[in-house]
Amino acid sequence: MPLPIVDPSDDHPIEFEREILPMLRANCLACHNAKTAKGRYNMETYAGIVKGGESGLAVVAGKLADSTLHSMVADGSMPKDADPLSKE
């Protein structure tokens, strides 16, 4: 069952360094880094995240449902070697 899209809280803007990067480090960077880059996808930088890899563009601005990164997490195919991410 796909994860639903959850709107972030309006309490504060999302901070990449504080909220996103730790999640990437814990769940994605072991396989998707400059050295390993499984699927030719390097998630160590913003540019790498947006560029995508073998599956094409990973992020489509303003269209979360069209973003490969979201789709692969939502359908449970990623992360492969970690627990599934929560909807939050």
PDB file of N, CA and C in Angstrom:
ATOM      1  N   MET A   1       0.840  -1.180   0.000  1.00  0.00           N
ATOM      2  CA  MET A   1       0.000   0.000   0.000  1.00  0.00           C
ATOM      3  C   MET A   1       0.887   1.246   0.000  1.00  0.00           C
ATOM      4  N   PRO A   2       0.705   2.180  -0.933  1.00  0.00           N
ATOM      5  CA  PRO A   2       1.563   3.360  -1.003  1.00  0.00           C
ATOM      6  C   PRO A   2       1.402   4.260   0.216  1.00  0.00           C
ATOM      7  N   LEU A   3       2.483   4.934   0.568  1.00  0.00           N
ATOM      8  CA  LEU A   3       2.424   5.913   1.647  1.00  0.00           C
ATOM      9  C   LEU A   3       1.651   7.134   1.181  1.00  0.00           C
ATOM     10  N   PRO A   4       0.771   7.661   1.996  1.00  0.00           N
ATOM     11  CA  PRO A   4       0.088   8.889   1.613  1.00  0.00           C
ATOM     12  C   PRO A   4       1.050  10.073   1.689  1.00  0.00           C
ATOM     13  N   ILE A   5       0.753  11.095   0.946  1.00  0.00           N
ATOM     14  CA  ILE A   5       1.548  12.321   0.998  1.00  0.00           C
ATOM     15  C   ILE A   5       1.049  13.125   2.184  1.00  0.00           C
ATOM     16  N   VAL A   6       1.952  13.486   3.083  1.00  0.00           N
ATOM     17  CA  VAL A   6       1.592  14.242   4.275  1.00  0.00           C
ATOM     18  C   VAL A   6       2.160  15.640   4.142  1.00  0.00           C
ATOM     19  N   ASP A   7       1.296  16.646   4.260  1.00  0.00           N
ATOM     20  CA  ASP A   7       1.761  18.025   4.213  1.00  0.00           C
ATOM     21  C   ASP A   7       2.547  18.335   5.470  1.00  0.00           C
ATOM     22  N   PRO A   8       3.677  19.047   5.312  1.00  0.00           N
ATOM     23  CA  PRO A   8       4.458  19.406   6.497  1.00  0.00           C
ATOM     24  C   PRO A   8       3.693  20.419   7.354  1.00  0.00           C
ATOM     25  N   SER A   9       4.083  20.487   8.594  1.00  0.00           N
ATOM     26  CA  SER A   9       3.485  21.436   9.523  1.00  0.00           C
ATOM     27  C   SER A   9       3.758  22.859   9.063  1.00  0.00           C
ATOM     28  N   ASP A  10       2.825  23.725   9.299  1.00  0.00           N
ATOM     29  CA  ASP A  10       3.011  25.144   8.979  1.00  0.00           C
ATOM     30  C   ASP A  10       3.777  25.875  10.069  1.00  0.00           C
ATOM     31  N   ASP A  11       4.164  25.163  11.119  1.00  0.00           N
ATOM     32  CA  ASP A  11       4.850  25.797  12.240  1.00  0.00           C
ATOM     33  C   ASP A  11       6.197  26.387  11.849  1.00  0.00           C
ATOM     34  N   HIS A  12       6.889  25.746  10.924  1.00  0.00           N
ATOM     35  CA  HIS A  12       8.196  26.237  10.493  1.00  0.00           C
ATOM     36  C   HIS A  12       8.528  25.663   9.119  1.00  0.00           C
ATOM     37  N   PRO A  13       9.349  26.360   8.347  1.00  0.00           N
ATOM     38  CA  PRO A  13       9.768  25.790   7.064  1.00  0.00           C
ATOM     39  C   PRO A  13      10.683  24.584   7.300  1.00  0.00           C
ATOM     40  N   ILE A  14      10.655  23.644   6.384  1.00  0.00           N
ATOM     41  CA  ILE A  14      11.522  22.464   6.485  1.00  0.00           C
ATOM     42  C   ILE A  14      12.967  22.901   6.306  1.00  0.00           C
ATOM     43  N   GLU A  15      13.824  22.412   7.176  1.00  0.00           N
ATOM     44  CA  GLU A  15      15.248  22.730   7.111  1.00  0.00           C
ATOM     45  C   GLU A  15      16.003  21.492   6.639  1.00  0.00           C
ATOM     46  N   PHE A  16      16.641  21.600   5.472  1.00  0.00           N
ATOM     47  CA  PHE A  16      17.336  20.465   4.875  1.00  0.00           C
ATOM     48  C   PHE A  16      18.357  19.871   5.837  1.00  0.00           C
ATOM     49  N   GLU A  17      19.246  20.697   6.379  1.00  0.00           N
ATOM     50  CA  GLU A  17      20.332  20.204   7.238  1.00  0.00           C
ATOM     51  C   GLU A  17      19.812  19.512   8.499  1.00  0.00           C
ATOM     52  N   ARG A  18      18.724  20.001   9.058  1.00  0.00           N
ATOM     53  CA  ARG A  18      18.224  19.481  10.331  1.00  0.00           C
ATOM     54  C   ARG A  18      17.233  18.338  10.155  1.00  0.00           C
ATOM     55  N   GLU A  19      16.418  18.374   9.105  1.00  0.00           N
ATOM     56  CA  GLU A  19      15.333  17.397   8.980  1.00  0.00           C
ATOM     57  C   GLU A  19      15.511  16.390   7.840  1.00  0.00           C
ATOM     58  N   ILE A  20      16.049  16.794   6.733  1.00  0.00           N
ATOM     59  CA  ILE A  20      16.162  15.913   5.565  1.00  0.00           C
ATOM     60  C   ILE A  20      17.491  15.155   5.547  1.00  0.00           C
ATOM     61  N   LEU A  21      18.591  15.857   5.716  1.00  0.00           N
ATOM     62  CA  LEU A  21      19.911  15.226   5.634  1.00  0.00           C
ATOM     63  C   LEU A  21      20.085  14.061   6.610  1.00  0.00           C
ATOM     64  N   PRO A  22      19.662  14.184   7.867  1.00  0.00           N
ATOM     65  CA  PRO A  22      19.791  13.020   8.757  1.00  0.00           C
ATOM     66  C   PRO A  22      19.021  11.795   8.253  1.00  0.00           C
ATOM     67  N   MET A  23      17.849  12.007   7.655  1.00  0.00           N
ATOM     68  CA  MET A  23      17.068  10.897   7.111  1.00  0.00           C
ATOM     69  C   MET A  23      17.805  10.260   5.929  1.00  0.00           C
ATOM     70  N   LEU A  24      18.404  11.087   5.071  1.00  0.00           N
ATOM     71  CA  LEU A  24      19.165  10.560   3.943  1.00  0.00           C
ATOM     72  C   LEU A  24      20.371   9.765   4.426  1.00  0.00           C
ATOM     73  N   ARG A  25      21.072  10.310   5.414  1.00  0.00           N
ATOM     74  CA  ARG A  25      22.241   9.605   5.952  1.00  0.00           C
ATOM     75  C   ARG A  25      21.854   8.244   6.519  1.00  0.00           C
ATOM     76  N   ALA A  26      20.744   8.184   7.221  1.00  0.00           N
ATOM     77  CA  ALA A  26      20.321   6.947   7.871  1.00  0.00           C
ATOM     78  C   ALA A  26      19.751   5.923   6.897  1.00  0.00           C
ATOM     79  N   ASN A  27      19.197   6.362   5.771  1.00  0.00           N
ATOM     80  CA  ASN A  27      18.443   5.445   4.914  1.00  0.00           C
ATOM     81  C   ASN A  27      18.901   5.349   3.467  1.00  0.00           C
ATOM     82  N   CYS A  28      19.668   6.301   2.985  1.00  0.00           N
ATOM     83  CA  CYS A  28      19.940   6.354   1.546  1.00  0.00           C
ATOM     84  C   CYS A  28      21.427   6.382   1.172  1.00  0.00           C
ATOM     85  N   LEU A  29      22.226   7.108   1.940  1.00  0.00           N
ATOM     86  CA  LEU A  29      23.590   7.387   1.509  1.00  0.00           C
ATOM     87  C   LEU A  29      24.533   6.194   1.539  1.00  0.00           C
ATOM     88  N   ALA A  30      24.190   5.132   2.227  1.00  0.00           N
ATOM     89  CA  ALA A  30      25.056   3.953   2.204  1.00  0.00           C
ATOM     90  C   ALA A  30      25.158   3.390   0.786  1.00  0.00           C
ATOM     91  N   CYS A  31      24.102   3.525   0.002  1.00  0.00           N
ATOM     92  CA  CYS A  31      24.085   2.994  -1.367  1.00  0.00           C
ATOM     93  C   CYS A  31      24.168   4.092  -2.430  1.00  0.00           C
ATOM     94  N   HIS A  32      23.646   5.268  -2.121  1.00  0.00           N
ATOM     95  CA  HIS A  32      23.549   6.337  -3.123  1.00  0.00           C
ATOM     96  C   HIS A  32      24.484   7.483  -2.771  1.00  0.00           C
ATOM     97  N   ASN A  33      25.795   7.208  -2.861  1.00  0.00           N
ATOM     98  CA  ASN A  33      26.831   8.195  -2.576  1.00  0.00           C
ATOM     99  C   ASN A  33      27.764   8.298  -3.774  1.00  0.00           C
ATOM    100  N   ALA A  34      28.706   9.218  -3.727  1.00  0.00           N
ATOM    101  CA  ALA A  34      29.604   9.456  -4.868  1.00  0.00           C
ATOM    102  C   ALA A  34      30.411   8.214  -5.231  1.00  0.00           C
ATOM    103  N   LYS A  35      30.804   7.426  -4.258  1.00  0.00           N
ATOM    104  CA  LYS A  35      31.631   6.256  -4.526  1.00  0.00           C
ATOM    105  C   LYS A  35      30.811   5.077  -5.046  1.00  0.00           C
ATOM    106  N   THR A  36      29.679   4.801  -4.427  1.00  0.00           N
ATOM    107  CA  THR A  36      28.862   3.637  -4.777  1.00  0.00           C
ATOM    108  C   THR A  36      27.855   3.957  -5.867  1.00  0.00           C
ATOM    109  N   ALA A  37      27.050   4.975  -5.647  1.00  0.00           N
ATOM    110  CA  ALA A  37      26.040   5.469  -6.594  1.00  0.00           C
ATOM    111  C   ALA A  37      25.249   4.349  -7.277  1.00  0.00           C
ATOM    112  N   LYS A  38      24.623   3.505  -6.477  1.00  0.00           N
ATOM    113  CA  LYS A  38      23.771   2.460  -7.063  1.00  0.00           C
ATOM    114  C   LYS A  38      22.700   3.114  -7.919  1.00  0.00           C
ATOM    115  N   GLY A  39      22.433   2.532  -9.058  1.00  0.00           N
ATOM    116  CA  GLY A  39      21.483   3.116 -10.001  1.00  0.00           C
ATOM    117  C   GLY A  39      21.995   4.429 -10.575  1.00  0.00           C
ATOM    118  N   ARG A  40      23.286   4.651 -10.451  1.00  0.00           N
ATOM    119  CA  ARG A  40      23.933   5.912 -10.864  1.00  0.00           C
ATOM    120  C   ARG A  40      23.240   7.119 -10.238  1.00  0.00           C
ATOM    121  N   TYR A  41      22.845   6.941  -8.970  1.00  0.00           N
ATOM    122  CA  TYR A  41      22.144   7.999  -8.246  1.00  0.00           C
ATOM    123  C   TYR A  41      22.930   8.369  -7.002  1.00  0.00           C
ATOM    124  N   ASN A  42      23.439   9.595  -6.976  1.00  0.00           N
ATOM    125  CA  ASN A  42      24.221  10.116  -5.858  1.00  0.00           C
ATOM    126  C   ASN A  42      23.367  11.142  -5.114  1.00  0.00           C
ATOM    127  N   MET A  43      23.041  10.848  -3.871  1.00  0.00           N
ATOM    128  CA  MET A  43      22.174  11.716  -3.079  1.00  0.00           C
ATOM    129  C   MET A  43      22.944  12.560  -2.064  1.00  0.00           C
ATOM    130  N   GLU A  44      24.247  12.705  -2.256  1.00  0.00           N
ATOM    131  CA  GLU A  44      25.040  13.464  -1.300  1.00  0.00           C
ATOM    132  C   GLU A  44      24.868  14.974  -1.435  1.00  0.00           C
ATOM    133  N   THR A  45      24.409  15.439  -2.570  1.00  0.00           N
ATOM    134  CA  THR A  45      24.231  16.866  -2.781  1.00  0.00           C
ATOM    135  C   THR A  45      22.839  17.145  -3.337  1.00  0.00           C
ATOM    136  N   TYR A  46      22.399  18.371  -3.195  1.00  0.00           N
ATOM    137  CA  TYR A  46      21.115  18.781  -3.758  1.00  0.00           C
ATOM    138  C   TYR A  46      21.102  18.540  -5.264  1.00  0.00           C
ATOM    139  N   ALA A  47      22.188  18.924  -5.936  1.00  0.00           N
ATOM    140  CA  ALA A  47      22.262  18.740  -7.389  1.00  0.00           C
ATOM    141  C   ALA A  47      22.136  17.273  -7.765  1.00  0.00           C
ATOM    142  N   GLY A  48      22.774  16.406  -7.016  1.00  0.00           N
ATOM    143  CA  GLY A  48      22.682  14.974  -7.285  1.00  0.00           C
ATOM    144  C   GLY A  48      21.288  14.423  -7.050  1.00  0.00           C
ATOM    145  N   ILE A  49      20.637  14.899  -5.994  1.00  0.00           N
ATOM    146  CA  ILE A  49      19.272  14.455  -5.696  1.00  0.00           C
ATOM    147  C   ILE A  49      18.346  14.824  -6.834  1.00  0.00           C
ATOM    148  N   VAL A  50      18.426  16.057  -7.289  1.00  0.00           N
ATOM    149  CA  VAL A  50      17.542  16.547  -8.349  1.00  0.00           C
ATOM    150  C   VAL A  50      17.851  15.890  -9.690  1.00  0.00           C
ATOM    151  N   LYS A  51      19.132  15.661  -9.966  1.00  0.00           N
ATOM    152  CA  LYS A  51      19.539  15.083 -11.248  1.00  0.00           C
ATOM    153  C   LYS A  51      18.942  13.694 -11.462  1.00  0.00           C
ATOM    154  N   GLY A  52      18.921  12.901 -10.415  1.00  0.00           N
ATOM    155  CA  GLY A  52      18.407  11.540 -10.555  1.00  0.00           C
ATOM    156  C   GLY A  52      19.470  10.578 -11.021  1.00  0.00           C
ATOM    157  N   GLY A  53      19.038   9.440 -11.537  1.00  0.00           N
ATOM    158  CA  GLY A  53      19.966   8.397 -11.954  1.00  0.00           C
ATOM    159  C   GLY A  53      19.384   7.605 -13.101  1.00  0.00           C
ATOM    160  N   GLU A  54      19.609   6.291 -13.071  1.00  0.00           N
ATOM    161  CA  GLU A  54      19.138   5.428 -14.154  1.00  0.00           C
ATOM    162  C   GLU A  54      17.623   5.469 -14.331  1.00  0.00           C
ATOM    163  N   SER A  55      16.891   5.756 -13.267  1.00  0.00           N
ATOM    164  CA  SER A  55      15.428   5.800 -13.347  1.00  0.00           C
ATOM    165  C   SER A  55      14.914   7.154 -13.828  1.00  0.00           C
ATOM    166  N   GLY A  56      15.809   8.049 -14.176  1.00  0.00           N
ATOM    167  CA  GLY A  56      15.412   9.367 -14.661  1.00  0.00           C
ATOM    168  C   GLY A  56      15.420  10.403 -13.557  1.00  0.00           C
ATOM    169  N   LEU A  57      14.715  11.506 -13.794  1.00  0.00           N
ATOM    170  CA  LEU A  57      14.631  12.565 -12.802  1.00  0.00           C
ATOM    171  C   LEU A  57      14.038  12.018 -11.517  1.00  0.00           C
ATOM    172  N   ALA A  58      14.655  12.359 -10.406  1.00  0.00           N
ATOM    173  CA  ALA A  58      14.178  11.842  -9.133  1.00  0.00           C
ATOM    174  C   ALA A  58      13.164  12.758  -8.478  1.00  0.00           C
ATOM    175  N   VAL A  59      13.273  14.048  -8.735  1.00  0.00           N
ATOM    176  CA  VAL A  59      12.408  15.030  -8.108  1.00  0.00           C
ATOM    177  C   VAL A  59      11.832  15.933  -9.188  1.00  0.00           C
ATOM    178  N   VAL A  60      10.512  16.078  -9.191  1.00  0.00           N
ATOM    179  CA  VAL A  60       9.838  16.997 -10.102  1.00  0.00           C
ATOM    180  C   VAL A  60       9.257  18.109  -9.237  1.00  0.00           C
ATOM    181  N   ALA A  61       9.820  19.301  -9.364  1.00  0.00           N
ATOM    182  CA  ALA A  61       9.417  20.427  -8.515  1.00  0.00           C
ATOM    183  C   ALA A  61       7.917  20.665  -8.594  1.00  0.00           C
ATOM    184  N   GLY A  62       7.290  20.729  -7.423  1.00  0.00           N
ATOM    185  CA  GLY A  62       5.867  21.002  -7.336  1.00  0.00           C
ATOM    186  C   GLY A  62       4.964  19.834  -7.690  1.00  0.00           C
ATOM    187  N   LYS A  63       5.546  18.675  -8.028  1.00  0.00           N
ATOM    188  CA  LYS A  63       4.752  17.513  -8.427  1.00  0.00           C
ATOM    189  C   LYS A  63       5.274  16.263  -7.714  1.00  0.00           C
ATOM    190  N   LEU A  64       5.014  16.205  -6.425  1.00  0.00           N
ATOM    191  CA  LEU A  64       5.525  15.106  -5.618  1.00  0.00           C
ATOM    192  C   LEU A  64       5.101  13.752  -6.167  1.00  0.00           C
ATOM    193  N   ALA A  65       3.854  13.632  -6.602  1.00  0.00           N
ATOM    194  CA  ALA A  65       3.363  12.354  -7.113  1.00  0.00           C
ATOM    195  C   ALA A  65       4.073  11.922  -8.392  1.00  0.00           C
ATOM    196  N   ASP A  66       4.693  12.862  -9.111  1.00  0.00           N
ATOM    197  CA  ASP A  66       5.434  12.546 -10.335  1.00  0.00           C
ATOM    198  C   ASP A  66       6.923  12.331 -10.076  1.00  0.00           C
ATOM    199  N   SER A  67       7.341  12.453  -8.836  1.00  0.00           N
ATOM    200  CA  SER A  67       8.755  12.340  -8.486  1.00  0.00           C
ATOM    201  C   SER A  67       9.132  10.883  -8.228  1.00  0.00           C
ATOM    202  N   THR A  68      10.112  10.386  -8.973  1.00  0.00           N
ATOM    203  CA  THR A  68      10.558   9.003  -8.821  1.00  0.00           C
ATOM    204  C   THR A  68      11.011   8.722  -7.398  1.00  0.00           C
ATOM    205  N   LEU A  69      11.703   9.664  -6.783  1.00  0.00           N
ATOM    206  CA  LEU A  69      12.175   9.475  -5.407  1.00  0.00           C
ATOM    207  C   LEU A  69      10.994   9.193  -4.492  1.00  0.00           C
ATOM    208  N   HIS A  70       9.946   9.981  -4.566  1.00  0.00           N
ATOM    209  CA  HIS A  70       8.774   9.756  -3.724  1.00  0.00           C
ATOM    210  C   HIS A  70       8.103   8.432  -4.060  1.00  0.00           C
ATOM    211  N   SER A  71       7.951   8.143  -5.339  1.00  0.00           N
ATOM    212  CA  SER A  71       7.273   6.911  -5.755  1.00  0.00           C
ATOM    213  C   SER A  71       7.970   5.667  -5.219  1.00  0.00           C
ATOM    214  N   MET A  72       9.304   5.653  -5.282  1.00  0.00           N
ATOM    215  CA  MET A  72      10.051   4.476  -4.838  1.00  0.00           C
ATOM    216  C   MET A  72       9.999   4.311  -3.323  1.00  0.00           C
ATOM    217  N   VAL A  73       9.956   5.420  -2.601  1.00  0.00           N
ATOM    218  CA  VAL A  73       9.822   5.338  -1.149  1.00  0.00           C
ATOM    219  C   VAL A  73       8.389   4.954  -0.790  1.00  0.00           C
ATOM    220  N   ALA A  74       7.427   5.575  -1.474  1.00  0.00           N
ATOM    221  CA  ALA A  74       6.015   5.340  -1.156  1.00  0.00           C
ATOM    222  C   ALA A  74       5.577   3.914  -1.437  1.00  0.00           C
ATOM    223  N   ASP A  75       6.107   3.296  -2.495  1.00  0.00           N
ATOM    224  CA  ASP A  75       5.677   1.922  -2.794  1.00  0.00           C
ATOM    225  C   ASP A  75       6.508   0.873  -2.055  1.00  0.00           C
ATOM    226  N   GLY A  76       7.453   1.323  -1.236  1.00  0.00           N
ATOM    227  CA  GLY A  76       8.241   0.410  -0.415  1.00  0.00           C
ATOM    228  C   GLY A  76       9.436  -0.204  -1.106  1.00  0.00           C
ATOM    229  N   SER A  77       9.714   0.190  -2.361  1.00  0.00           N
ATOM    230  CA  SER A  77      10.870  -0.387  -3.042  1.00  0.00           C
ATOM    231  C   SER A  77      12.188   0.225  -2.556  1.00  0.00           C
ATOM    232  N   MET A  78      12.131   1.342  -1.885  1.00  0.00           N
ATOM    233  CA  MET A  78      13.303   1.965  -1.271  1.00  0.00           C
ATOM    234  C   MET A  78      12.917   2.431   0.121  1.00  0.00           C
ATOM    235  N   PRO A  79      13.811   2.410   1.051  1.00  0.00           N
ATOM    236  CA  PRO A  79      15.178   1.891   0.970  1.00  0.00           C
ATOM    237  C   PRO A  79      15.192   0.360   1.049  1.00  0.00           C
ATOM    238  N   LYS A  80      16.096  -0.236   0.298  1.00  0.00           N
ATOM    239  CA  LYS A  80      16.132  -1.700   0.213  1.00  0.00           C
ATOM    240  C   LYS A  80      16.693  -2.352   1.464  1.00  0.00           C
ATOM    241  N   ASP A  81      17.732  -1.767   2.034  1.00  0.00           N
ATOM    242  CA  ASP A  81      18.417  -2.411   3.165  1.00  0.00           C
ATOM    243  C   ASP A  81      18.137  -1.708   4.481  1.00  0.00           C
ATOM    244  N   ALA A  82      16.966  -1.096   4.616  1.00  0.00           N
ATOM    245  CA  ALA A  82      16.598  -0.411   5.854  1.00  0.00           C
ATOM    246  C   ALA A  82      15.099  -0.561   6.047  1.00  0.00           C
ATOM    247  N   ASP A  83      14.637  -0.204   7.235  1.00  0.00           N
ATOM    248  CA  ASP A  83      13.205  -0.245   7.489  1.00  0.00           C
ATOM    249  C   ASP A  83      12.494   0.772   6.595  1.00  0.00           C
ATOM    250  N   PRO A  84      11.263   0.496   6.200  1.00  0.00           N
ATOM    251  CA  PRO A  84      10.517   1.468   5.406  1.00  0.00           C
ATOM    252  C   PRO A  84      10.381   2.789   6.160  1.00  0.00           C
ATOM    253  N   LEU A  85      10.357   3.875   5.414  1.00  0.00           N
ATOM    254  CA  LEU A  85      10.199   5.186   6.034  1.00  0.00           C
ATOM    255  C   LEU A  85       8.750   5.384   6.453  1.00  0.00           C
ATOM    256  N   SER A  86       8.544   6.207   7.459  1.00  0.00           N
ATOM    257  CA  SER A  86       7.181   6.524   7.883  1.00  0.00           C
ATOM    258  C   SER A  86       6.603   7.576   6.951  1.00  0.00           C
ATOM    259  N   LYS A  87       5.294   7.737   6.967  1.00  0.00           N
ATOM    260  CA  LYS A  87       4.664   8.737   6.088  1.00  0.00           C
ATOM    261  C   LYS A  87       5.110  10.150   6.439  1.00  0.00           C
ATOM    262  N   GLU A  88       5.464  10.378   7.672  1.00  0.00           N
ATOM    263  CA  GLU A  88       5.959  11.701   8.057  1.00  0.00           C
ATOM    264  C   GLU A  88       7.317  11.958   7.458  1.00  0.00           C
TER     265      GLU A  88
END
